[in-house]
Every structure is written in C-alpha cells, then in structure tokens.
Amino acid sequence: MDNQKKPQENGLQIELTPQVAEGKYANLAILSHSHAEFIMDFARVMPGIPKAPVVSRLILAPEHAKRLLMALQDNVMKYERQFGPIVLPEQQQGGGGRTATPFGMPEGKA
C-alpha cells in the first residue's frame, strides 16, 4: 500500500506511515484548553483496570480546534444520512448528559 496521499491543491503531500495507519483505539477523550490552545487526550479504559493509559495527545490552536469541530459535525451528518442516526446511550435513557463514560466509570471534570 502506498504510504503517501495524493498532493493537495497547494502541493502538500500528507504522509501516512504504516505504524500511524494502524491507529490507536481510544474510548475516552479528555478535553482541556487555555487561551492559546486546546488539548485532547485520548485514553483507553478497560473494565476492571483502575488506570486508563493515554494513547494519544493532540494540541491544537483554537482556530484549528474549531475547524476540527466543524469537520466532525459535517462528517457525522454525512454518516447519519448514509447509515441512520447515531443513538447515544444517554439519549436512550432519557438522560441529559453530554458525555458517555465507558464501563460505568465516573465522568471526568475538566
């Protein structure tokens, strides 16, 4: 498999190495911010294990965080048009929560 994407309009080539292409599984995201940046830690929570290792951290400028938010919204809308609505567990239970916590773990506060 070719590990380079086609050049974008501006000539930038995005490289995807085989190791990065494997990805990292995460089922918990912890978000925080300062005036200068947004920090997203992605962790893997496993049942019966008291520690959740952070598998990846992204640090974004506020403008890039907003672009990421807009891109995620656009892609979720496209996904739901194609495959149907994504129903969150808290929506099924009638809860008003805005985050899901895997395996009944307490919700983190940022």
PDB file of N, CA and C in Angstrom:
ATOM      1  N   MET A   1       0.842  -1.185   0.000  1.00  0.00           N
ATOM      2  CA  MET A   1       0.000   0.000   0.000  1.00  0.00           C
ATOM      3  C   MET A   1       0.879   1.237   0.000  1.00  0.00           C
ATOM      4  N   ASP A   2       0.553   2.191  -0.822  1.00  0.00           N
ATOM      5  CA  ASP A   2       1.306   3.420  -0.898  1.00  0.00           C
ATOM      6  C   ASP A   2       1.109   4.227   0.377  1.00  0.00           C
ATOM      7  N   ASN A   3       2.194   4.684   0.991  1.00  0.00           N
ATOM      8  CA  ASN A   3       2.056   5.379   2.257  1.00  0.00           C
ATOM      9  C   ASN A   3       2.016   6.894   2.106  1.00  0.00           C
ATOM     10  N   GLN A   4       1.812   7.383   0.886  1.00  0.00           N
ATOM     11  CA  GLN A   4       1.647   8.821   0.697  1.00  0.00           C
ATOM     12  C   GLN A   4       0.335   9.089  -0.001  1.00  0.00           C
ATOM     13  N   LYS A   5      -0.365  10.105   0.485  1.00  0.00           N
ATOM     14  CA  LYS A   5      -1.623  10.520  -0.125  1.00  0.00           C
ATOM     15  C   LYS A   5      -1.326  11.380  -1.349  1.00  0.00           C
ATOM     16  N   LYS A   6      -2.326  11.557  -2.202  1.00  0.00           N
ATOM     17  CA  LYS A   6      -2.169  12.409  -3.363  1.00  0.00           C
ATOM     18  C   LYS A   6      -1.950  13.852  -2.915  1.00  0.00           C
ATOM     19  N   PRO A   7      -1.177  14.621  -3.692  1.00  0.00           N
ATOM     20  CA  PRO A   7      -0.941  16.016  -3.319  1.00  0.00           C
ATOM     21  C   PRO A   7      -2.247  16.808  -3.262  1.00  0.00           C
ATOM     22  N   GLN A   8      -2.354  17.671  -2.267  1.00  0.00           N
ATOM     23  CA  GLN A   8      -3.491  18.573  -2.167  1.00  0.00           C
ATOM     24  C   GLN A   8      -3.306  19.682  -3.195  1.00  0.00           C
ATOM     25  N   GLU A   9      -4.296  20.570  -3.323  1.00  0.00           N
ATOM     26  CA  GLU A   9      -4.217  21.650  -4.304  1.00  0.00           C
ATOM     27  C   GLU A   9      -2.996  22.529  -4.088  1.00  0.00           C
ATOM     28  N   ASN A  10      -2.593  22.715  -2.832  1.00  0.00           N
ATOM     29  CA  ASN A  10      -1.438  23.568  -2.568  1.00  0.00           C
ATOM     30  C   ASN A  10      -0.118  22.817  -2.695  1.00  0.00           C
ATOM     31  N   GLY A  11      -0.133  21.569  -3.120  1.00  0.00           N
ATOM     32  CA  GLY A  11       1.065  20.791  -3.316  1.00  0.00           C
ATOM     33  C   GLY A  11       1.557  20.052  -2.091  1.00  0.00           C
ATOM     34  N   LEU A  12       0.869  20.160  -0.968  1.00  0.00           N
ATOM     35  CA  LEU A  12       1.268  19.483   0.257  1.00  0.00           C
ATOM     36  C   LEU A  12       0.997  17.994   0.145  1.00  0.00           C
ATOM     37  N   GLN A  13       1.981  17.184   0.448  1.00  0.00           N
ATOM     38  CA  GLN A  13       1.810  15.737   0.448  1.00  0.00           C
ATOM     39  C   GLN A  13       1.688  15.281   1.900  1.00  0.00           C
ATOM     40  N   ILE A  14       0.618  14.569   2.196  1.00  0.00           N
ATOM     41  CA  ILE A  14       0.390  14.037   3.532  1.00  0.00           C
ATOM     42  C   ILE A  14       0.954  12.629   3.583  1.00  0.00           C
ATOM     43  N   GLU A  15       1.870  12.379   4.524  1.00  0.00           N
ATOM     44  CA  GLU A  15       2.483  11.066   4.652  1.00  0.00           C
ATOM     45  C   GLU A  15       1.789  10.286   5.763  1.00  0.00           C
ATOM     46  N   LEU A  16       1.423   9.068   5.463  1.00  0.00           N
ATOM     47  CA  LEU A  16       0.808   8.171   6.431  1.00  0.00           C
ATOM     48  C   LEU A  16       1.670   6.921   6.514  1.00  0.00           C
ATOM     49  N   THR A  17       2.484   6.838   7.574  1.00  0.00           N
ATOM     50  CA  THR A  17       3.367   5.683   7.724  1.00  0.00           C
ATOM     51  C   THR A  17       2.539   4.468   8.137  1.00  0.00           C
ATOM     52  N   PRO A  18       3.032   3.267   7.891  1.00  0.00           N
ATOM     53  CA  PRO A  18       2.290   2.068   8.288  1.00  0.00           C
ATOM     54  C   PRO A  18       1.985   2.025   9.786  1.00  0.00           C
ATOM     55  N   GLN A  19       2.928   2.477  10.607  1.00  0.00           N
ATOM     56  CA  GLN A  19       2.696   2.465  12.061  1.00  0.00           C
ATOM     57  C   GLN A  19       1.549   3.403  12.452  1.00  0.00           C
ATOM     58  N   VAL A  20       1.524   4.597  11.885  1.00  0.00           N
ATOM     59  CA  VAL A  20       0.455   5.542  12.188  1.00  0.00           C
ATOM     60  C   VAL A  20      -0.864   5.063  11.582  1.00  0.00           C
ATOM     61  N   ALA A  21      -0.801   4.435  10.413  1.00  0.00           N
ATOM     62  CA  ALA A  21      -2.007   3.943   9.748  1.00  0.00           C
ATOM     63  C   ALA A  21      -2.735   2.894  10.578  1.00  0.00           C
ATOM     64  N   GLU A  22      -2.022   2.176  11.440  1.00  0.00           N
ATOM     65  CA  GLU A  22      -2.662   1.192  12.313  1.00  0.00           C
ATOM     66  C   GLU A  22      -3.629   1.848  13.278  1.00  0.00           C
ATOM     67  N   GLY A  23      -3.367   3.077  13.650  1.00  0.00           N
ATOM     68  CA  GLY A  23      -4.242   3.800  14.560  1.00  0.00           C
ATOM     69  C   GLY A  23      -4.085   3.345  16.001  1.00  0.00           C
ATOM     70  N   LYS A  24      -4.742   4.058  16.888  1.00  0.00           N
ATOM     71  CA  LYS A  24      -4.771   3.732  18.314  1.00  0.00           C
ATOM     72  C   LYS A  24      -6.229   3.720  18.741  1.00  0.00           C
ATOM     73  N   TYR A  25      -6.641   2.671  19.458  1.00  0.00           N
ATOM     74  CA  TYR A  25      -8.013   2.596  19.952  1.00  0.00           C
ATOM     75  C   TYR A  25      -8.122   3.417  21.224  1.00  0.00           C
ATOM     76  N   ALA A  26      -9.146   4.262  21.286  1.00  0.00           N
ATOM     77  CA  ALA A  26      -9.433   5.057  22.476  1.00  0.00           C
ATOM     78  C   ALA A  26     -10.940   5.088  22.666  1.00  0.00           C
ATOM     79  N   ASN A  27     -11.386   4.965  23.921  1.00  0.00           N
ATOM     80  CA  ASN A  27     -12.816   5.050  24.207  1.00  0.00           C
ATOM     81  C   ASN A  27     -13.114   6.114  25.250  1.00  0.00           C
ATOM     82  N   LEU A  28     -12.155   7.009  25.468  1.00  0.00           N
ATOM     83  CA  LEU A  28     -12.340   8.131  26.382  1.00  0.00           C
ATOM     84  C   LEU A  28     -11.516   9.298  25.878  1.00  0.00           C
ATOM     85  N   ALA A  29     -12.116  10.476  25.841  1.00  0.00           N
ATOM     86  CA  ALA A  29     -11.393  11.689  25.464  1.00  0.00           C
ATOM     87  C   ALA A  29     -11.524  12.693  26.599  1.00  0.00           C
ATOM     88  N   ILE A  30     -10.414  13.297  26.944  1.00  0.00           N
ATOM     89  CA  ILE A  30     -10.387  14.331  27.973  1.00  0.00           C
ATOM     90  C   ILE A  30      -9.942  15.611  27.288  1.00  0.00           C
ATOM     91  N   LEU A  31     -10.787  16.633  27.348  1.00  0.00           N
ATOM     92  CA  LEU A  31     -10.514  17.877  26.646  1.00  0.00           C
ATOM     93  C   LEU A  31     -10.254  18.995  27.650  1.00  0.00           C
ATOM     94  N   SER A  32      -9.257  19.811  27.372  1.00  0.00           N
ATOM     95  CA  SER A  32      -8.994  20.992  28.191  1.00  0.00           C
ATOM     96  C   SER A  32      -8.475  22.087  27.270  1.00  0.00           C
ATOM     97  N   HIS A  33      -8.437  23.303  27.796  1.00  0.00           N
ATOM     98  CA  HIS A  33      -7.977  24.415  26.961  1.00  0.00           C
ATOM     99  C   HIS A  33      -7.407  25.541  27.816  1.00  0.00           C
ATOM    100  N   SER A  34      -6.605  26.345  27.167  1.00  0.00           N
ATOM    101  CA  SER A  34      -6.124  27.606  27.724  1.00  0.00           C
ATOM    102  C   SER A  34      -6.475  28.680  26.705  1.00  0.00           C
ATOM    103  N   HIS A  35      -6.019  29.890  26.933  1.00  0.00           N
ATOM    104  CA  HIS A  35      -6.305  30.942  25.951  1.00  0.00           C
ATOM    105  C   HIS A  35      -5.597  30.675  24.624  1.00  0.00           C
ATOM    106  N   ALA A  36      -4.547  29.849  24.632  1.00  0.00           N
ATOM    107  CA  ALA A  36      -3.722  29.667  23.448  1.00  0.00           C
ATOM    108  C   ALA A  36      -3.888  28.338  22.735  1.00  0.00           C
ATOM    109  N   GLU A  37      -4.475  27.334  23.429  1.00  0.00           N
ATOM    110  CA  GLU A  37      -4.512  26.012  22.811  1.00  0.00           C
ATOM    111  C   GLU A  37      -5.600  25.136  23.401  1.00  0.00           C
ATOM    112  N   PHE A  38      -5.989  24.119  22.620  1.00  0.00           N
ATOM    113  CA  PHE A  38      -6.881  23.061  23.066  1.00  0.00           C
ATOM    114  C   PHE A  38      -6.048  21.793  23.158  1.00  0.00           C
ATOM    115  N   ILE A  39      -6.240  21.037  24.233  1.00  0.00           N
ATOM    116  CA  ILE A  39      -5.513  19.786  24.422  1.00  0.00           C
ATOM    117  C   ILE A  39      -6.533  18.661  24.485  1.00  0.00           C
ATOM    118  N   MET A  40      -6.320  17.642  23.664  1.00  0.00           N
ATOM    119  CA  MET A  40      -7.201  16.481  23.637  1.00  0.00           C
ATOM    120  C   MET A  40      -6.373  15.244  23.955  1.00  0.00           C
ATOM    121  N   ASP A  41      -6.673  14.631  25.088  1.00  0.00           N
ATOM    122  CA  ASP A  41      -6.037  13.372  25.457  1.00  0.00           C
ATOM    123  C   ASP A  41      -7.017  12.242  25.162  1.00  0.00           C
ATOM    124  N   PHE A  42      -6.557  11.234  24.448  1.00  0.00           N
ATOM    125  CA  PHE A  42      -7.364  10.074  24.126  1.00  0.00           C
ATOM    126  C   PHE A  42      -6.824   8.893  24.919  1.00  0.00           C
ATOM    127  N   ALA A  43      -7.705   8.238  25.683  1.00  0.00           N
ATOM    128  CA  ALA A  43      -7.293   7.157  26.574  1.00  0.00           C
ATOM    129  C   ALA A  43      -8.095   5.901  26.288  1.00  0.00           C
ATOM    130  N   ARG A  44      -7.577   4.799  26.806  1.00  0.00           N
ATOM    131  CA  ARG A  44      -8.244   3.504  26.662  1.00  0.00           C
ATOM    132  C   ARG A  44      -8.628   3.010  28.052  1.00  0.00           C
ATOM    133  N   VAL A  45      -9.942   2.936  28.295  1.00  0.00           N
ATOM    134  CA  VAL A  45     -10.469   2.438  29.564  1.00  0.00           C
ATOM    135  C   VAL A  45     -10.855   0.973  29.377  1.00  0.00           C
ATOM    136  N   MET A  46     -10.406   0.124  30.286  1.00  0.00           N
ATOM    137  CA  MET A  46     -10.730  -1.295  30.226  1.00  0.00           C
ATOM    138  C   MET A  46     -11.423  -1.696  31.517  1.00  0.00           C
ATOM    139  N   PRO A  47     -12.421  -2.563  31.445  1.00  0.00           N
ATOM    140  CA  PRO A  47     -13.145  -2.941  32.656  1.00  0.00           C
ATOM    141  C   PRO A  47     -12.227  -3.632  33.664  1.00  0.00           C
ATOM    142  N   GLY A  48     -12.375  -3.256  34.920  1.00  0.00           N
ATOM    143  CA  GLY A  48     -11.611  -3.883  35.995  1.00  0.00           C
ATOM    144  C   GLY A  48     -10.173  -3.402  36.118  1.00  0.00           C
ATOM    145  N   ILE A  49      -9.757  -2.468  35.285  1.00  0.00           N
ATOM    146  CA  ILE A  49      -8.394  -1.945  35.341  1.00  0.00           C
ATOM    147  C   ILE A  49      -8.472  -0.492  35.803  1.00  0.00           C
ATOM    148  N   PRO A  50      -7.829  -0.169  36.926  1.00  0.00           N
ATOM    149  CA  PRO A  50      -8.001   1.163  37.509  1.00  0.00           C
ATOM    150  C   PRO A  50      -7.285   2.294  36.781  1.00  0.00           C
ATOM    151  N   LYS A  51      -6.363   1.975  35.876  1.00  0.00           N
ATOM    152  CA  LYS A  51      -5.649   3.014  35.135  1.00  0.00           C
ATOM    153  C   LYS A  51      -6.097   3.012  33.684  1.00  0.00           C
ATOM    154  N   ALA A  52      -6.199   4.207  33.112  1.00  0.00           N
ATOM    155  CA  ALA A  52      -6.553   4.350  31.703  1.00  0.00           C
ATOM    156  C   ALA A  52      -5.397   5.066  31.007  1.00  0.00           C
ATOM    157  N   PRO A  53      -4.557   4.340  30.280  1.00  0.00           N
ATOM    158  CA  PRO A  53      -3.405   4.990  29.652  1.00  0.00           C
ATOM    159  C   PRO A  53      -3.829   5.915  28.509  1.00  0.00           C
ATOM    160  N   VAL A  54      -3.202   7.068  28.456  1.00  0.00           N
ATOM    161  CA  VAL A  54      -3.402   7.976  27.328  1.00  0.00           C
ATOM    162  C   VAL A  54      -2.640   7.387  26.151  1.00  0.00           C
ATOM    163  N   VAL A  55      -3.346   7.157  25.049  1.00  0.00           N
ATOM    164  CA  VAL A  55      -2.717   6.566  23.868  1.00  0.00           C
ATOM    165  C   VAL A  55      -2.312   7.610  22.839  1.00  0.00           C
ATOM    166  N   SER A  56      -2.881   8.820  22.972  1.00  0.00           N
ATOM    167  CA  SER A  56      -2.526   9.882  22.036  1.00  0.00           C
ATOM    168  C   SER A  56      -2.931  11.225  22.622  1.00  0.00           C
ATOM    169  N   ARG A  57      -2.154  12.251  22.332  1.00  0.00           N
ATOM    170  CA  ARG A  57      -2.479  13.623  22.751  1.00  0.00           C
ATOM    171  C   ARG A  57      -2.360  14.523  21.531  1.00  0.00           C
ATOM    172  N   LEU A  58      -3.375  15.354  21.325  1.00  0.00           N
ATOM    173  CA  LEU A  58      -3.348  16.360  20.269  1.00  0.00           C
ATOM    174  C   LEU A  58      -3.398  17.732  20.919  1.00  0.00           C
ATOM    175  N   ILE A  59      -2.582  18.630  20.423  1.00  0.00           N
ATOM    176  CA  ILE A  59      -2.576  20.013  20.896  1.00  0.00           C
ATOM    177  C   ILE A  59      -2.855  20.879  19.677  1.00  0.00           C
ATOM    178  N   LEU A  60      -3.938  21.663  19.765  1.00  0.00           N
ATOM    179  CA  LEU A  60      -4.384  22.461  18.620  1.00  0.00           C
ATOM    180  C   LEU A  60      -4.520  23.930  18.996  1.00  0.00           C
ATOM    181  N   ALA A  61      -4.259  24.789  18.030  1.00  0.00           N
ATOM    182  CA  ALA A  61      -4.596  26.201  18.182  1.00  0.00           C
ATOM    183  C   ALA A  61      -6.119  26.320  18.203  1.00  0.00           C
ATOM    184  N   PRO A  62      -6.672  27.334  18.865  1.00  0.00           N
ATOM    185  CA  PRO A  62      -8.139  27.473  18.927  1.00  0.00           C
ATOM    186  C   PRO A  62      -8.808  27.460  17.555  1.00  0.00           C
ATOM    187  N   GLU A  63      -8.200  28.104  16.569  1.00  0.00           N
ATOM    188  CA  GLU A  63      -8.792  28.123  15.231  1.00  0.00           C
ATOM    189  C   GLU A  63      -8.851  26.714  14.633  1.00  0.00           C
ATOM    190  N   HIS A  64      -7.829  25.940  14.879  1.00  0.00           N
ATOM    191  CA  HIS A  64      -7.804  24.576  14.344  1.00  0.00           C
ATOM    192  C   HIS A  64      -8.782  23.682  15.095  1.00  0.00           C
ATOM    193  N   ALA A  65      -8.965  23.932  16.392  1.00  0.00           N
ATOM    194  CA  ALA A  65      -9.963  23.173  17.155  1.00  0.00           C
ATOM    195  C   ALA A  65     -11.357  23.431  16.589  1.00  0.00           C
ATOM    196  N   LYS A  66     -11.628  24.680  16.245  1.00  0.00           N
ATOM    197  CA  LYS A  66     -12.945  24.989  15.677  1.00  0.00           C
ATOM    198  C   LYS A  66     -13.109  24.353  14.297  1.00  0.00           C
ATOM    199  N   ARG A  67     -12.052  24.343  13.503  1.00  0.00           N
ATOM    200  CA  ARG A  67     -12.109  23.673  12.197  1.00  0.00           C
ATOM    201  C   ARG A  67     -12.349  22.172  12.373  1.00  0.00           C
ATOM    202  N   LEU A  68     -11.701  21.571  13.376  1.00  0.00           N
ATOM    203  CA  LEU A  68     -11.914  20.151  13.658  1.00  0.00           C
ATOM    204  C   LEU A  68     -13.363  19.907  14.062  1.00  0.00           C
ATOM    205  N   LEU A  69     -13.915  20.747  14.921  1.00  0.00           N
ATOM    206  CA  LEU A  69     -15.311  20.636  15.329  1.00  0.00           C
ATOM    207  C   LEU A  69     -16.234  20.686  14.116  1.00  0.00           C
ATOM    208  N   MET A  70     -16.010  21.636  13.228  1.00  0.00           N
ATOM    209  CA  MET A  70     -16.861  21.763  12.040  1.00  0.00           C
ATOM    210  C   MET A  70     -16.714  20.550  11.126  1.00  0.00           C
ATOM    211  N   ALA A  71     -15.494  20.039  10.975  1.00  0.00           N
ATOM    212  CA  ALA A  71     -15.277  18.859  10.130  1.00  0.00           C
ATOM    213  C   ALA A  71     -15.950  17.631  10.732  1.00  0.00           C
ATOM    214  N   LEU A  72     -15.877  17.476  12.060  1.00  0.00           N
ATOM    215  CA  LEU A  72     -16.557  16.351  12.722  1.00  0.00           C
ATOM    216  C   LEU A  72     -18.070  16.457  12.559  1.00  0.00           C
ATOM    217  N   GLN A  73     -18.620  17.662  12.739  1.00  0.00           N
ATOM    218  CA  GLN A  73     -20.062  17.842  12.562  1.00  0.00           C
ATOM    219  C   GLN A  73     -20.485  17.472  11.154  1.00  0.00           C
ATOM    220  N   ASP A  74     -19.732  17.924  10.169  1.00  0.00           N
ATOM    221  CA  ASP A  74     -20.047  17.625   8.769  1.00  0.00           C
ATOM    222  C   ASP A  74     -19.995  16.122   8.507  1.00  0.00           C
ATOM    223  N   ASN A  75     -18.973  15.458   9.023  1.00  0.00           N
ATOM    224  CA  ASN A  75     -18.834  14.025   8.788  1.00  0.00           C
ATOM    225  C   ASN A  75     -19.882  13.210   9.533  1.00  0.00           C
ATOM    226  N   VAL A  76     -20.271  13.618  10.733  1.00  0.00           N
ATOM    227  CA  VAL A  76     -21.334  12.908  11.448  1.00  0.00           C
ATOM    228  C   VAL A  76     -22.652  13.052  10.684  1.00  0.00           C
ATOM    229  N   MET A  77     -22.934  14.243  10.164  1.00  0.00           N
ATOM    230  CA  MET A  77     -24.163  14.438   9.382  1.00  0.00           C
ATOM    231  C   MET A  77     -24.159  13.549   8.144  1.00  0.00           C
ATOM    232  N   LYS A  78     -23.028  13.462   7.450  1.00  0.00           N
ATOM    233  CA  LYS A  78     -22.929  12.608   6.263  1.00  0.00           C
ATOM    234  C   LYS A  78     -23.101  11.136   6.642  1.00  0.00           C
ATOM    235  N   TYR A  79     -22.482  10.728   7.746  1.00  0.00           N
ATOM    236  CA  TYR A  79     -22.604   9.350   8.214  1.00  0.00           C
ATOM    237  C   TYR A  79     -24.066   9.020   8.506  1.00  0.00           C
ATOM    238  N   GLU A  80     -24.756   9.904   9.232  1.00  0.00           N
ATOM    239  CA  GLU A  80     -26.148   9.638   9.610  1.00  0.00           C
ATOM    240  C   GLU A  80     -27.075   9.638   8.396  1.00  0.00           C
ATOM    241  N   ARG A  81     -26.784  10.440   7.397  1.00  0.00           N
ATOM    242  CA  ARG A  81     -27.585  10.399   6.167  1.00  0.00           C
ATOM    243  C   ARG A  81     -27.436   9.041   5.485  1.00  0.00           C
ATOM    244  N   GLN A  82     -26.233   8.491   5.525  1.00  0.00           N
ATOM    245  CA  GLN A  82     -25.966   7.226   4.844  1.00  0.00           C
ATOM    246  C   GLN A  82     -26.399   6.016   5.671  1.00  0.00           C
ATOM    247  N   PHE A  83     -26.158   6.032   6.979  1.00  0.00           N
ATOM    248  CA  PHE A  83     -26.358   4.841   7.798  1.00  0.00           C
ATOM    249  C   PHE A  83     -27.450   4.968   8.852  1.00  0.00           C
ATOM    250  N   GLY A  84     -28.039   6.133   9.006  1.00  0.00           N
ATOM    251  CA  GLY A  84     -29.055   6.336  10.035  1.00  0.00           C
ATOM    252  C   GLY A  84     -28.480   7.007  11.267  1.00  0.00           C
ATOM    253  N   PRO A  85     -29.371   7.422  12.174  1.00  0.00           N
ATOM    254  CA  PRO A  85     -28.928   8.183  13.337  1.00  0.00           C
ATOM    255  C   PRO A  85     -28.019   7.381  14.262  1.00  0.00           C
ATOM    256  N   ILE A  86     -27.077   8.069  14.854  1.00  0.00           N
ATOM    257  CA  ILE A  86     -26.233   7.506  15.901  1.00  0.00           C
ATOM    258  C   ILE A  86     -26.952   7.802  17.212  1.00  0.00           C
ATOM    259  N   VAL A  87     -27.383   6.762  17.901  1.00  0.00           N
ATOM    260  CA  VAL A  87     -28.122   6.953  19.149  1.00  0.00           C
ATOM    261  C   VAL A  87     -27.169   6.711  20.311  1.00  0.00           C
ATOM    262  N   LEU A  88     -27.017   7.722  21.151  1.00  0.00           N
ATOM    263  CA  LEU A  88     -26.144   7.617  22.316  1.00  0.00           C
ATOM    264  C   LEU A  88     -26.893   6.989  23.480  1.00  0.00           C
ATOM    265  N   PRO A  89     -26.205   6.221  24.332  1.00  0.00           N
ATOM    266  CA  PRO A  89     -26.881   5.567  25.467  1.00  0.00           C
ATOM    267  C   PRO A  89     -27.645   6.547  26.351  1.00  0.00           C
ATOM    268  N   GLU A  90     -27.085   7.727  26.597  1.00  0.00           N
ATOM    269  CA  GLU A  90     -27.787   8.689  27.453  1.00  0.00           C
ATOM    270  C   GLU A  90     -29.051   9.233  26.794  1.00  0.00           C
ATOM    271  N   GLN A  91     -29.119   9.203  25.469  1.00  0.00           N
ATOM    272  CA  GLN A  91     -30.337   9.611  24.775  1.00  0.00           C
ATOM    273  C   GLN A  91     -31.416   8.546  24.934  1.00  0.00           C
ATOM    274  N   GLN A  92     -31.024   7.281  24.955  1.00  0.00           N
ATOM    275  CA  GLN A  92     -31.984   6.190  25.104  1.00  0.00           C
ATOM    276  C   GLN A  92     -32.572   6.176  26.503  1.00  0.00           C
ATOM    277  N   GLN A  93     -31.777   6.538  27.511  1.00  0.00           N
ATOM    278  CA  GLN A  93     -32.224   6.504  28.892  1.00  0.00           C
ATOM    279  C   GLN A  93     -32.960   7.779  29.286  1.00  0.00           C
ATOM    280  N   GLY A  94     -33.040   8.720  28.384  1.00  0.00           N
ATOM    281  CA  GLY A  94     -33.712   9.976  28.689  1.00  0.00           C
ATOM    282  C   GLY A  94     -32.862  10.914  29.519  1.00  0.00           C
ATOM    283  N   GLY A  95     -31.579  10.606  29.656  1.00  0.00           N
ATOM    284  CA  GLY A  95     -30.690  11.464  30.431  1.00  0.00           C
ATOM    285  C   GLY A  95     -30.282  12.675  29.642  1.00  0.00           C
ATOM    286  N   GLY A  96     -29.900  13.699  30.332  1.00  0.00           N
ATOM    287  CA  GLY A  96     -29.492  14.926  29.673  1.00  0.00           C
ATOM    288  C   GLY A  96     -27.993  15.078  29.597  1.00  0.00           C
ATOM    289  N   GLY A  97     -27.243  14.019  29.914  1.00  0.00           N
ATOM    290  CA  GLY A  97     -25.788  14.110  29.913  1.00  0.00           C
ATOM    291  C   GLY A  97     -25.246  14.409  28.536  1.00  0.00           C
ATOM    292  N   ARG A  98     -24.083  15.022  28.501  1.00  0.00           N
ATOM    293  CA  ARG A  98     -23.492  15.351  27.211  1.00  0.00           C
ATOM    294  C   ARG A  98     -22.299  14.488  26.884  1.00  0.00           C
ATOM    295  N   THR A  99     -21.883  13.634  27.829  1.00  0.00           N
ATOM    296  CA  THR A  99     -20.777  12.729  27.544  1.00  0.00           C
ATOM    297  C   THR A  99     -21.148  11.327  27.976  1.00  0.00           C
ATOM    298  N   ALA A 100     -20.498  10.373  27.377  1.00  0.00           N
ATOM    299  CA  ALA A 100     -20.701   8.973  27.756  1.00  0.00           C
ATOM    300  C   ALA A 100     -19.441   8.503  28.469  1.00  0.00           C
ATOM    301  N   THR A 101     -19.614   7.730  29.518  1.00  0.00           N
ATOM    302  CA  THR A 101     -18.464   7.180  30.219  1.00  0.00           C
ATOM    303  C   THR A 101     -18.488   5.674  30.058  1.00  0.00           C
ATOM    304  N   PRO A 102     -17.423   5.114  29.479  1.00  0.00           N
ATOM    305  CA  PRO A 102     -17.404   3.682  29.251  1.00  0.00           C
ATOM    306  C   PRO A 102     -17.314   2.906  30.551  1.00  0.00           C
ATOM    307  N   PHE A 103     -17.958   1.756  30.585  1.00  0.00           N
ATOM    308  CA  PHE A 103     -17.876   0.819  31.700  1.00  0.00           C
ATOM    309  C   PHE A 103     -18.324   1.413  33.018  1.00  0.00           C
ATOM    310  N   GLY A 104     -19.207   2.430  32.977  1.00  0.00           N
ATOM    311  CA  GLY A 104     -19.745   2.991  34.213  1.00  0.00           C
ATOM    312  C   GLY A 104     -18.742   3.761  35.024  1.00  0.00           C
ATOM    313  N   MET A 105     -17.637   4.175  34.415  1.00  0.00           N
ATOM    314  CA  MET A 105     -16.627   4.933  35.139  1.00  0.00           C
ATOM    315  C   MET A 105     -17.178   6.309  35.447  1.00  0.00           C
ATOM    316  N   PRO A 106     -16.742   6.947  36.543  1.00  0.00           N
ATOM    317  CA  PRO A 106     -17.200   8.303  36.837  1.00  0.00           C
ATOM    318  C   PRO A 106     -16.751   9.257  35.752  1.00  0.00           C
ATOM    319  N   GLU A 107     -17.586  10.239  35.471  1.00  0.00           N
ATOM    320  CA  GLU A 107     -17.274  11.205  34.433  1.00  0.00           C
ATOM    321  C   GLU A 107     -16.182  12.144  34.910  1.00  0.00           C
ATOM    322  N   GLY A 108     -15.178  12.391  34.040  1.00  0.00           N
ATOM    323  CA  GLY A 108     -14.098  13.294  34.379  1.00  0.00           C
ATOM    324  C   GLY A 108     -14.550  14.740  34.289  1.00  0.00           C
ATOM    325  N   LYS A 109     -13.937  15.577  35.038  1.00  0.00           N
ATOM    326  CA  LYS A 109     -14.229  17.013  35.020  1.00  0.00           C
ATOM    327  C   LYS A 109     -12.991  17.757  34.514  1.00  0.00           C
ATOM    328  N   ALA A 110     -13.220  18.715  33.639  1.00  0.00           N
ATOM    329  CA  ALA A 110     -12.079  19.494  33.114  1.00  0.00           C
ATOM    330  C   ALA A 110     -12.207  20.931  33.536  1.00  0.00           C
TER     331      ALA A 110
END
